[in-house]
PDB file of N, CA and C in Angstrom:
ATOM      1  N   UNK A   1     -15.233  -6.310  30.683  1.00  0.00           N
ATOM      2  CA  UNK A   1     -14.740  -6.871  29.403  1.00  0.00           C
ATOM      3  C   UNK A   1     -13.578  -6.197  28.758  1.00  0.00           C
ATOM      4  N   UNK A   2     -12.478  -6.714  28.645  1.00  0.00           N
ATOM      5  CA  UNK A   2     -11.403  -6.086  28.029  1.00  0.00           C
ATOM      6  C   UNK A   2     -11.291  -6.296  26.377  1.00  0.00           C
ATOM      7  N   UNK A   3     -11.071  -5.185  25.760  1.00  0.00           N
ATOM      8  CA  UNK A   3     -11.082  -5.122  24.340  1.00  0.00           C
ATOM      9  C   UNK A   3      -9.703  -4.827  24.136  1.00  0.00           C
ATOM     10  N   UNK A   4      -9.116  -5.445  22.758  1.00  0.00           N
ATOM     11  CA  UNK A   4      -7.834  -4.983  22.267  1.00  0.00           C
ATOM     12  C   UNK A   4      -7.869  -3.706  21.716  1.00  0.00           C
ATOM     13  N   UNK A   5      -6.793  -3.000  21.881  1.00  0.00           N
ATOM     14  CA  UNK A   5      -6.783  -1.456  21.217  1.00  0.00           C
ATOM     15  C   UNK A   5      -6.719  -1.710  19.739  1.00  0.00           C
ATOM     16  N   UNK A   6      -6.353  -2.755  19.207  1.00  0.00           N
ATOM     17  CA  UNK A   6      -5.998  -2.985  17.778  1.00  0.00           C
ATOM     18  C   UNK A   6      -7.601  -3.288  17.125  1.00  0.00           C
ATOM     19  N   UNK A   7      -8.446  -3.781  17.893  1.00  0.00           N
ATOM     20  CA  UNK A   7      -9.851  -4.179  17.286  1.00  0.00           C
ATOM     21  C   UNK A   7     -10.498  -3.100  16.668  1.00  0.00           C
ATOM     22  N   UNK A   8     -10.383  -1.848  16.853  1.00  0.00           N
ATOM     23  CA  UNK A   8     -11.106  -0.652  16.433  1.00  0.00           C
ATOM     24  C   UNK A   8     -10.192   0.053  15.650  1.00  0.00           C
ATOM     25  N   UNK A   9      -8.936   0.079  15.725  1.00  0.00           N
ATOM     26  CA  UNK A   9      -7.890   1.045  15.136  1.00  0.00           C
ATOM     27  C   UNK A   9      -7.444   0.679  13.967  1.00  0.00           C
ATOM     28  N   UNK A  10      -7.876  -0.488  13.236  1.00  0.00           N
ATOM     29  CA  UNK A  10      -7.174  -0.852  12.118  1.00  0.00           C
ATOM     30  C   UNK A  10      -7.977  -0.185  10.739  1.00  0.00           C
ATOM     31  N   UNK A  11      -6.978   0.079   9.829  1.00  0.00           N
ATOM     32  CA  UNK A  11      -7.693   0.688   8.592  1.00  0.00           C
ATOM     33  C   UNK A  11      -8.186  -0.424   7.714  1.00  0.00           C
ATOM     34  N   UNK A  12      -9.382  -0.201   7.027  1.00  0.00           N
ATOM     35  CA  UNK A  12     -10.279  -1.074   6.329  1.00  0.00           C
ATOM     36  C   UNK A  12      -9.182  -1.530   5.074  1.00  0.00           C
ATOM     37  N   UNK A  13      -9.564  -2.549   4.438  1.00  0.00           N
ATOM     38  CA  UNK A  13      -9.020  -2.990   3.279  1.00  0.00           C
ATOM     39  C   UNK A  13      -9.304  -2.161   2.169  1.00  0.00           C
ATOM     40  N   UNK A  14     -10.239  -1.622   1.899  1.00  0.00           N
ATOM     41  CA  UNK A  14     -10.549  -0.629   0.890  1.00  0.00           C
ATOM     42  C   UNK A  14      -9.739   0.584   0.982  1.00  0.00           C
ATOM     43  N   UNK A  15      -9.590   1.119   2.298  1.00  0.00           N
ATOM     44  CA  UNK A  15      -8.861   2.406   2.391  1.00  0.00           C
ATOM     45  C   UNK A  15      -7.496   2.048   2.216  1.00  0.00           C
ATOM     46  N   UNK A  16      -6.936   0.982   2.462  1.00  0.00           N
ATOM     47  CA  UNK A  16      -5.660   0.511   2.338  1.00  0.00           C
ATOM     48  C   UNK A  16      -5.158   0.513   0.976  1.00  0.00           C
ATOM     49  N   UNK A  17      -6.095  -0.059  -0.017  1.00  0.00           N
ATOM     50  CA  UNK A  17      -5.552  -0.078  -1.354  1.00  0.00           C
ATOM     51  C   UNK A  17      -5.767   1.195  -1.821  1.00  0.00           C
ATOM     52  N   UNK A  18      -6.561   2.095  -1.490  1.00  0.00           N
ATOM     53  CA  UNK A  18      -6.524   3.648  -2.063  1.00  0.00           C
ATOM     54  C   UNK A  18      -5.263   4.117  -1.604  1.00  0.00           C
ATOM     55  N   UNK A  19      -4.833   4.055  -0.377  1.00  0.00           N
ATOM     56  CA  UNK A  19      -3.721   4.775  -0.052  1.00  0.00           C
ATOM     57  C   UNK A  19      -2.563   4.354  -0.686  1.00  0.00           C
ATOM     58  N   UNK A  20      -2.367   3.040  -0.854  1.00  0.00           N
ATOM     59  CA  UNK A  20      -1.353   2.373  -1.625  1.00  0.00           C
ATOM     60  C   UNK A  20      -1.243   2.870  -2.936  1.00  0.00           C
ATOM     61  N   UNK A  21      -2.318   3.103  -3.686  1.00  0.00           N
ATOM     62  CA  UNK A  21      -2.196   3.749  -4.990  1.00  0.00           C
ATOM     63  C   UNK A  21      -1.952   5.164  -4.995  1.00  0.00           C
ATOM     64  N   UNK A  22      -2.266   5.726  -4.189  1.00  0.00           N
ATOM     65  CA  UNK A  22      -1.891   7.317  -3.821  1.00  0.00           C
ATOM     66  C   UNK A  22      -0.272   7.382  -3.595  1.00  0.00           C
ATOM     67  N   UNK A  23       0.156   6.329  -2.728  1.00  0.00           N
ATOM     68  CA  UNK A  23       1.543   6.634  -2.567  1.00  0.00           C
ATOM     69  C   UNK A  23       2.322   6.212  -3.734  1.00  0.00           C
ATOM     70  N   UNK A  24       1.976   5.122  -4.648  1.00  0.00           N
ATOM     71  CA  UNK A  24       2.545   5.006  -5.973  1.00  0.00           C
ATOM     72  C   UNK A  24       2.594   6.100  -6.696  1.00  0.00           C
ATOM     73  N   UNK A  25       1.415   6.965  -6.803  1.00  0.00           N
ATOM     74  CA  UNK A  25       1.412   7.899  -7.642  1.00  0.00           C
ATOM     75  C   UNK A  25       2.376   9.164  -7.178  1.00  0.00           C
ATOM     76  N   UNK A  26       2.614   9.467  -5.843  1.00  0.00           N
ATOM     77  CA  UNK A  26       3.341  10.275  -5.204  1.00  0.00           C
ATOM     78  C   UNK A  26       4.848   9.957  -5.400  1.00  0.00           C
ATOM     79  N   UNK A  27       5.169   8.688  -5.474  1.00  0.00           N
ATOM     80  CA  UNK A  27       6.535   8.242  -5.363  1.00  0.00           C
ATOM     81  C   UNK A  27       7.030   8.410  -6.891  1.00  0.00           C
ATOM     82  N   UNK A  28       6.215   7.919  -7.944  1.00  0.00           N
ATOM     83  CA  UNK A  28       6.592   7.857  -9.313  1.00  0.00           C
ATOM     84  C   UNK A  28       6.371   9.234 -10.061  1.00  0.00           C
ATOM     85  N   UNK A  29       5.439  10.069  -9.644  1.00  0.00           N
ATOM     86  CA  UNK A  29       5.339  11.365 -10.357  1.00  0.00           C
ATOM     87  C   UNK A  29       3.868  11.422 -10.763  1.00  0.00           C
ATOM     88  N   UNK A  30       3.729  12.544 -11.501  1.00  0.00           N
ATOM     89  CA  UNK A  30       2.341  12.818 -11.939  1.00  0.00           C
ATOM     90  C   UNK A  30       2.007  12.003 -13.090  1.00  0.00           C
ATOM     91  N   UNK A  31       2.861  11.387 -14.047  1.00  0.00           N
ATOM     92  CA  UNK A  31       2.236  10.790 -15.116  1.00  0.00           C
ATOM     93  C   UNK A  31       2.065   9.254 -14.864  1.00  0.00           C
ATOM     94  N   UNK A  32       2.070   8.945 -13.672  1.00  0.00           N
ATOM     95  CA  UNK A  32       1.744   7.550 -13.246  1.00  0.00           C
ATOM     96  C   UNK A  32       0.431   7.136 -13.430  1.00  0.00           C
ATOM     97  N   UNK A  33       0.228   6.011 -13.830  1.00  0.00           N
ATOM     98  CA  UNK A  33      -1.151   5.187 -14.143  1.00  0.00           C
ATOM     99  C   UNK A  33      -1.050   4.040 -13.355  1.00  0.00           C
ATOM    100  N   UNK A  34      -2.198   3.973 -12.601  1.00  0.00           N
ATOM    101  CA  UNK A  34      -2.484   2.633 -12.169  1.00  0.00           C
ATOM    102  C   UNK A  34      -2.903   1.735 -13.073  1.00  0.00           C
ATOM    103  N   UNK A  35      -2.404   0.393 -13.427  1.00  0.00           N
ATOM    104  CA  UNK A  35      -2.757  -0.540 -14.264  1.00  0.00           C
ATOM    105  C   UNK A  35      -3.495  -1.561 -13.854  1.00  0.00           C
ATOM    106  N   UNK A  36      -3.342  -1.883 -12.655  1.00  0.00           N
ATOM    107  CA  UNK A  36      -4.098  -3.132 -12.102  1.00  0.00           C
ATOM    108  C   UNK A  36      -4.344  -2.640 -10.435  1.00  0.00           C
ATOM    109  N   UNK A  37      -5.593  -2.934 -10.049  1.00  0.00           N
ATOM    110  CA  UNK A  37      -5.796  -2.699  -8.546  1.00  0.00           C
ATOM    111  C   UNK A  37      -5.013  -3.184  -7.458  1.00  0.00           C
ATOM    112  N   UNK A  38      -4.839  -2.365  -6.514  1.00  0.00           N
ATOM    113  CA  UNK A  38      -3.797  -2.780  -5.496  1.00  0.00           C
ATOM    114  C   UNK A  38      -4.284  -4.129  -4.808  1.00  0.00           C
ATOM    115  N   UNK A  39      -3.552  -4.959  -4.070  1.00  0.00           N
ATOM    116  CA  UNK A  39      -3.748  -6.122  -3.350  1.00  0.00           C
ATOM    117  C   UNK A  39      -3.300  -6.125  -2.013  1.00  0.00           C
ATOM    118  N   UNK A  40      -3.912  -6.488  -1.005  1.00  0.00           N
ATOM    119  CA  UNK A  40      -3.517  -6.585   0.465  1.00  0.00           C
ATOM    120  C   UNK A  40      -2.837  -8.053   0.339  1.00  0.00           C
ATOM    121  N   UNK A  41      -1.587  -8.012   0.679  1.00  0.00           N
ATOM    122  CA  UNK A  41      -0.716  -9.253   0.692  1.00  0.00           C
ATOM    123  C   UNK A  41      -0.672 -10.028   1.903  1.00  0.00           C
ATOM    124  N   UNK A  42      -0.459  -9.438   2.965  1.00  0.00           N
ATOM    125  CA  UNK A  42      -0.359 -10.098   4.185  1.00  0.00           C
ATOM    126  C   UNK A  42      -0.193  -9.217   5.436  1.00  0.00           C
ATOM    127  N   UNK A  43       0.174  -9.643   6.623  1.00  0.00           N
ATOM    128  CA  UNK A  43       0.431  -8.936   7.763  1.00  0.00           C
ATOM    129  C   UNK A  43       1.912  -8.830   7.759  1.00  0.00           C
ATOM    130  N   UNK A  44       2.565  -7.651   7.753  1.00  0.00           N
ATOM    131  CA  UNK A  44       4.018  -7.399   8.013  1.00  0.00           C
ATOM    132  C   UNK A  44       4.420  -8.120   9.383  1.00  0.00           C
ATOM    133  N   UNK A  45       5.360  -8.940   9.368  1.00  0.00           N
ATOM    134  CA  UNK A  45       5.524  -9.634  10.602  1.00  0.00           C
ATOM    135  C   UNK A  45       6.042  -8.843  11.710  1.00  0.00           C
ATOM    136  N   UNK A  46       7.189  -7.972  11.476  1.00  0.00           N
ATOM    137  CA  UNK A  46       7.582  -7.301  12.524  1.00  0.00           C
ATOM    138  C   UNK A  46       6.549  -6.340  13.085  1.00  0.00           C
ATOM    139  N   UNK A  47       5.727  -5.475  12.538  1.00  0.00           N
ATOM    140  CA  UNK A  47       4.684  -4.400  12.775  1.00  0.00           C
ATOM    141  C   UNK A  47       3.467  -4.933  12.959  1.00  0.00           C
ATOM    142  N   UNK A  48       3.033  -6.127  12.459  1.00  0.00           N
ATOM    143  CA  UNK A  48       1.849  -6.665  12.368  1.00  0.00           C
ATOM    144  C   UNK A  48       0.735  -5.675  11.680  1.00  0.00           C
ATOM    145  N   UNK A  49       1.008  -5.023  10.510  1.00  0.00           N
ATOM    146  CA  UNK A  49       0.282  -4.193   9.913  1.00  0.00           C
ATOM    147  C   UNK A  49       0.252  -4.711   8.472  1.00  0.00           C
ATOM    148  N   UNK A  50      -0.705  -3.972   7.703  1.00  0.00           N
ATOM    149  CA  UNK A  50      -0.905  -4.667   6.385  1.00  0.00           C
ATOM    150  C   UNK A  50       0.067  -4.352   5.438  1.00  0.00           C
ATOM    151  N   UNK A  51       0.607  -5.303   4.528  1.00  0.00           N
ATOM    152  CA  UNK A  51       1.457  -4.955   3.475  1.00  0.00           C
ATOM    153  C   UNK A  51       0.558  -5.158   2.228  1.00  0.00           C
ATOM    154  N   UNK A  52       0.791  -3.941   1.519  1.00  0.00           N
ATOM    155  CA  UNK A  52      -0.236  -3.710   0.382  1.00  0.00           C
ATOM    156  C   UNK A  52       0.754  -3.636  -0.963  1.00  0.00           C
ATOM    157  N   UNK A  53       0.476  -4.342  -2.130  1.00  0.00           N
ATOM    158  CA  UNK A  53       1.092  -4.072  -3.436  1.00  0.00           C
ATOM    159  C   UNK A  53       0.225  -3.173  -4.347  1.00  0.00           C
ATOM    160  N   UNK A  54       1.028  -2.290  -4.833  1.00  0.00           N
ATOM    161  CA  UNK A  54       0.272  -1.395  -5.733  1.00  0.00           C
ATOM    162  C   UNK A  54       1.028  -1.518  -7.345  1.00  0.00           C
ATOM    163  N   UNK A  55       0.329  -1.675  -8.181  1.00  0.00           N
ATOM    164  CA  UNK A  55       0.812  -1.929  -9.421  1.00  0.00           C
ATOM    165  C   UNK A  55       0.637  -0.779 -10.382  1.00  0.00           C
ATOM    166  N   UNK A  56       1.881   0.138 -10.964  1.00  0.00           N
ATOM    167  CA  UNK A  56       1.701   1.296 -11.511  1.00  0.00           C
ATOM    168  C   UNK A  56       2.559   1.312 -12.702  1.00  0.00           C
ATOM    169  N   UNK A  57       2.295   2.378 -13.717  1.00  0.00           N
ATOM    170  CA  UNK A  57       2.897   2.404 -14.733  1.00  0.00           C
ATOM    171  C   UNK A  57       3.296   3.748 -15.005  1.00  0.00           C
ATOM    172  N   UNK A  58       4.601   4.071 -15.194  1.00  0.00           N
ATOM    173  CA  UNK A  58       5.320   5.344 -15.442  1.00  0.00           C
ATOM    174  C   UNK A  58       6.356   5.504 -16.526  1.00  0.00           C
ATOM    175  N   UNK A  59       6.222   6.282 -17.268  1.00  0.00           N
ATOM    176  CA  UNK A  59       7.099   6.502 -18.545  1.00  0.00           C
ATOM    177  C   UNK A  59       7.279   5.088 -19.233  1.00  0.00           C
ATOM    178  N   UNK A  60       6.299   4.470 -19.547  1.00  0.00           N
ATOM    179  CA  UNK A  60       6.346   3.194 -20.331  1.00  0.00           C
ATOM    180  C   UNK A  60       6.973   2.016 -19.600  1.00  0.00           C
ATOM    181  N   UNK A  61       7.299   2.062 -18.171  1.00  0.00           N
ATOM    182  CA  UNK A  61       7.846   1.149 -17.406  1.00  0.00           C
ATOM    183  C   UNK A  61       6.756   0.690 -16.324  1.00  0.00           C
ATOM    184  N   UNK A  62       6.868  -0.492 -16.146  1.00  0.00           N
ATOM    185  CA  UNK A  62       5.804  -1.218 -15.004  1.00  0.00           C
ATOM    186  C   UNK A  62       6.630  -1.363 -13.631  1.00  0.00           C
ATOM    187  N   UNK A  63       6.054  -1.053 -12.512  1.00  0.00           N
ATOM    188  CA  UNK A  63       6.424  -1.145 -11.404  1.00  0.00           C
ATOM    189  C   UNK A  63       5.406  -1.918 -10.500  1.00  0.00           C
ATOM    190  N   UNK A  64       5.929  -2.632  -9.336  1.00  0.00           N
ATOM    191  CA  UNK A  64       5.205  -3.097  -8.390  1.00  0.00           C
ATOM    192  C   UNK A  64       5.756  -2.439  -7.134  1.00  0.00           C
ATOM    193  N   UNK A  65       4.858  -1.640  -6.550  1.00  0.00           N
ATOM    194  CA  UNK A  65       5.326  -0.971  -5.383  1.00  0.00           C
ATOM    195  C   UNK A  65       4.589  -1.593  -3.928  1.00  0.00           C
ATOM    196  N   UNK A  66       5.580  -1.772  -3.001  1.00  0.00           N
ATOM    197  CA  UNK A  66       5.013  -2.226  -1.724  1.00  0.00           C
ATOM    198  C   UNK A  66       4.808  -1.365  -0.610  1.00  0.00           C
ATOM    199  N   UNK A  67       3.910  -1.374   0.170  1.00  0.00           N
ATOM    200  CA  UNK A  67       3.689  -0.292   1.222  1.00  0.00           C
ATOM    201  C   UNK A  67       3.178  -1.079   2.532  1.00  0.00           C
ATOM    202  N   UNK A  68       3.538  -0.559   3.579  1.00  0.00           N
ATOM    203  CA  UNK A  68       2.958  -0.901   4.990  1.00  0.00           C
ATOM    204  C   UNK A  68       1.905   0.123   5.310  1.00  0.00           C
ATOM    205  N   UNK A  69       0.683  -0.187   5.561  1.00  0.00           N
ATOM    206  CA  UNK A  69      -0.445   0.636   5.981  1.00  0.00           C
ATOM    207  C   UNK A  69      -0.538   0.638   7.476  1.00  0.00           C
ATOM    208  N   UNK A  70      -0.304   1.683   8.187  1.00  0.00           N
ATOM    209  CA  UNK A  70      -0.466   1.851   9.577  1.00  0.00           C
ATOM    210  C   UNK A  70      -1.975   1.879  10.176  1.00  0.00           C
ATOM    211  N   UNK A  71      -2.301   2.044  11.334  1.00  0.00           N
ATOM    212  CA  UNK A  71      -3.588   1.928  11.874  1.00  0.00           C
ATOM    213  C   UNK A  71      -4.355   3.168  11.527  1.00  0.00           C
ATOM    214  N   UNK A  72      -3.562   4.304  11.289  1.00  0.00           N
ATOM    215  CA  UNK A  72      -4.157   5.541  10.918  1.00  0.00           C
ATOM    216  C   UNK A  72      -4.437   5.674   9.228  1.00  0.00           C
ATOM    217  N   UNK A  73      -4.384   4.472   8.421  1.00  0.00           N
ATOM    218  CA  UNK A  73      -4.545   4.587   7.086  1.00  0.00           C
ATOM    219  C   UNK A  73      -3.399   5.499   6.589  1.00  0.00           C
ATOM    220  N   UNK A  74      -2.125   5.673   6.903  1.00  0.00           N
ATOM    221  CA  UNK A  74      -0.927   6.093   6.220  1.00  0.00           C
ATOM    222  C   UNK A  74      -0.059   5.202   5.682  1.00  0.00           C
ATOM    223  N   UNK A  75       0.312   5.443   4.389  1.00  0.00           N
ATOM    224  CA  UNK A  75       0.924   4.412   3.734  1.00  0.00           C
ATOM    225  C   UNK A  75       2.545   4.665   3.625  1.00  0.00           C
ATOM    226  N   UNK A  76       3.223   3.693   4.093  1.00  0.00           N
ATOM    227  CA  UNK A  76       4.898   3.860   4.056  1.00  0.00           C
ATOM    228  C   UNK A  76       5.366   3.055   3.058  1.00  0.00           C
ATOM    229  N   UNK A  77       6.155   3.429   2.133  1.00  0.00           N
ATOM    230  CA  UNK A  77       7.017   2.870   1.168  1.00  0.00           C
ATOM    231  C   UNK A  77       7.935   1.793   1.732  1.00  0.00           C
ATOM    232  N   UNK A  78       8.031   0.667   1.381  1.00  0.00           N
ATOM    233  CA  UNK A  78       9.034  -0.249   1.814  1.00  0.00           C
ATOM    234  C   UNK A  78      10.074  -0.836   0.809  1.00  0.00           C
ATOM    235  N   UNK A  79       9.461  -1.077  -0.417  1.00  0.00           N
ATOM    236  CA  UNK A  79      10.342  -1.412  -1.505  1.00  0.00           C
ATOM    237  C   UNK A  79       9.384  -1.434  -2.855  1.00  0.00           C
ATOM    238  N   UNK A  80      10.170  -1.654  -3.940  1.00  0.00           N
ATOM    239  CA  UNK A  80       9.430  -1.750  -5.276  1.00  0.00           C
ATOM    240  C   UNK A  80      10.327  -2.799  -6.232  1.00  0.00           C
ATOM    241  N   UNK A  81       9.609  -3.274  -7.050  1.00  0.00           N
ATOM    242  CA  UNK A  81      10.101  -4.279  -8.064  1.00  0.00           C
ATOM    243  C   UNK A  81       9.866  -3.720  -9.411  1.00  0.00           C
ATOM    244  N   UNK A  82      10.855  -3.685 -10.358  1.00  0.00           N
ATOM    245  CA  UNK A  82      10.665  -3.043 -11.510  1.00  0.00           C
ATOM    246  C   UNK A  82      11.816  -2.089 -11.904  1.00  0.00           C
ATOM    247  N   UNK A  83      12.006  -1.514 -12.842  1.00  0.00           N
ATOM    248  CA  UNK A  83      10.983  -1.390 -13.993  1.00  0.00           C
ATOM    249  C   UNK A  83      10.945  -2.515 -14.930  1.00  0.00           C
ATOM    250  N   UNK A  84       9.968  -2.803 -15.557  1.00  0.00           N
ATOM    251  CA  UNK A  84      10.201  -4.040 -16.500  1.00  0.00           C
ATOM    252  C   UNK A  84       9.224  -3.718 -17.752  1.00  0.00           C
TER     253      UNK A  84
END
């Protein structure tokens, strides 16, 4: 029986959300506050990894940060929207 190597290597949704929120805090600085729970949006088409949106507030401005989560649960910044 053959198994796909991706069947066991994928990061869980919960850990993906935690890593995205940590990435937002690292990107925006220490005074960053997460004002809404992160959301797993979709599979990123070129890499087939999870794309996660994190919602953060820093310095009175609101940002939506987008990350790709790899199979080792490491968050990679791809873009952001804001400030608003």
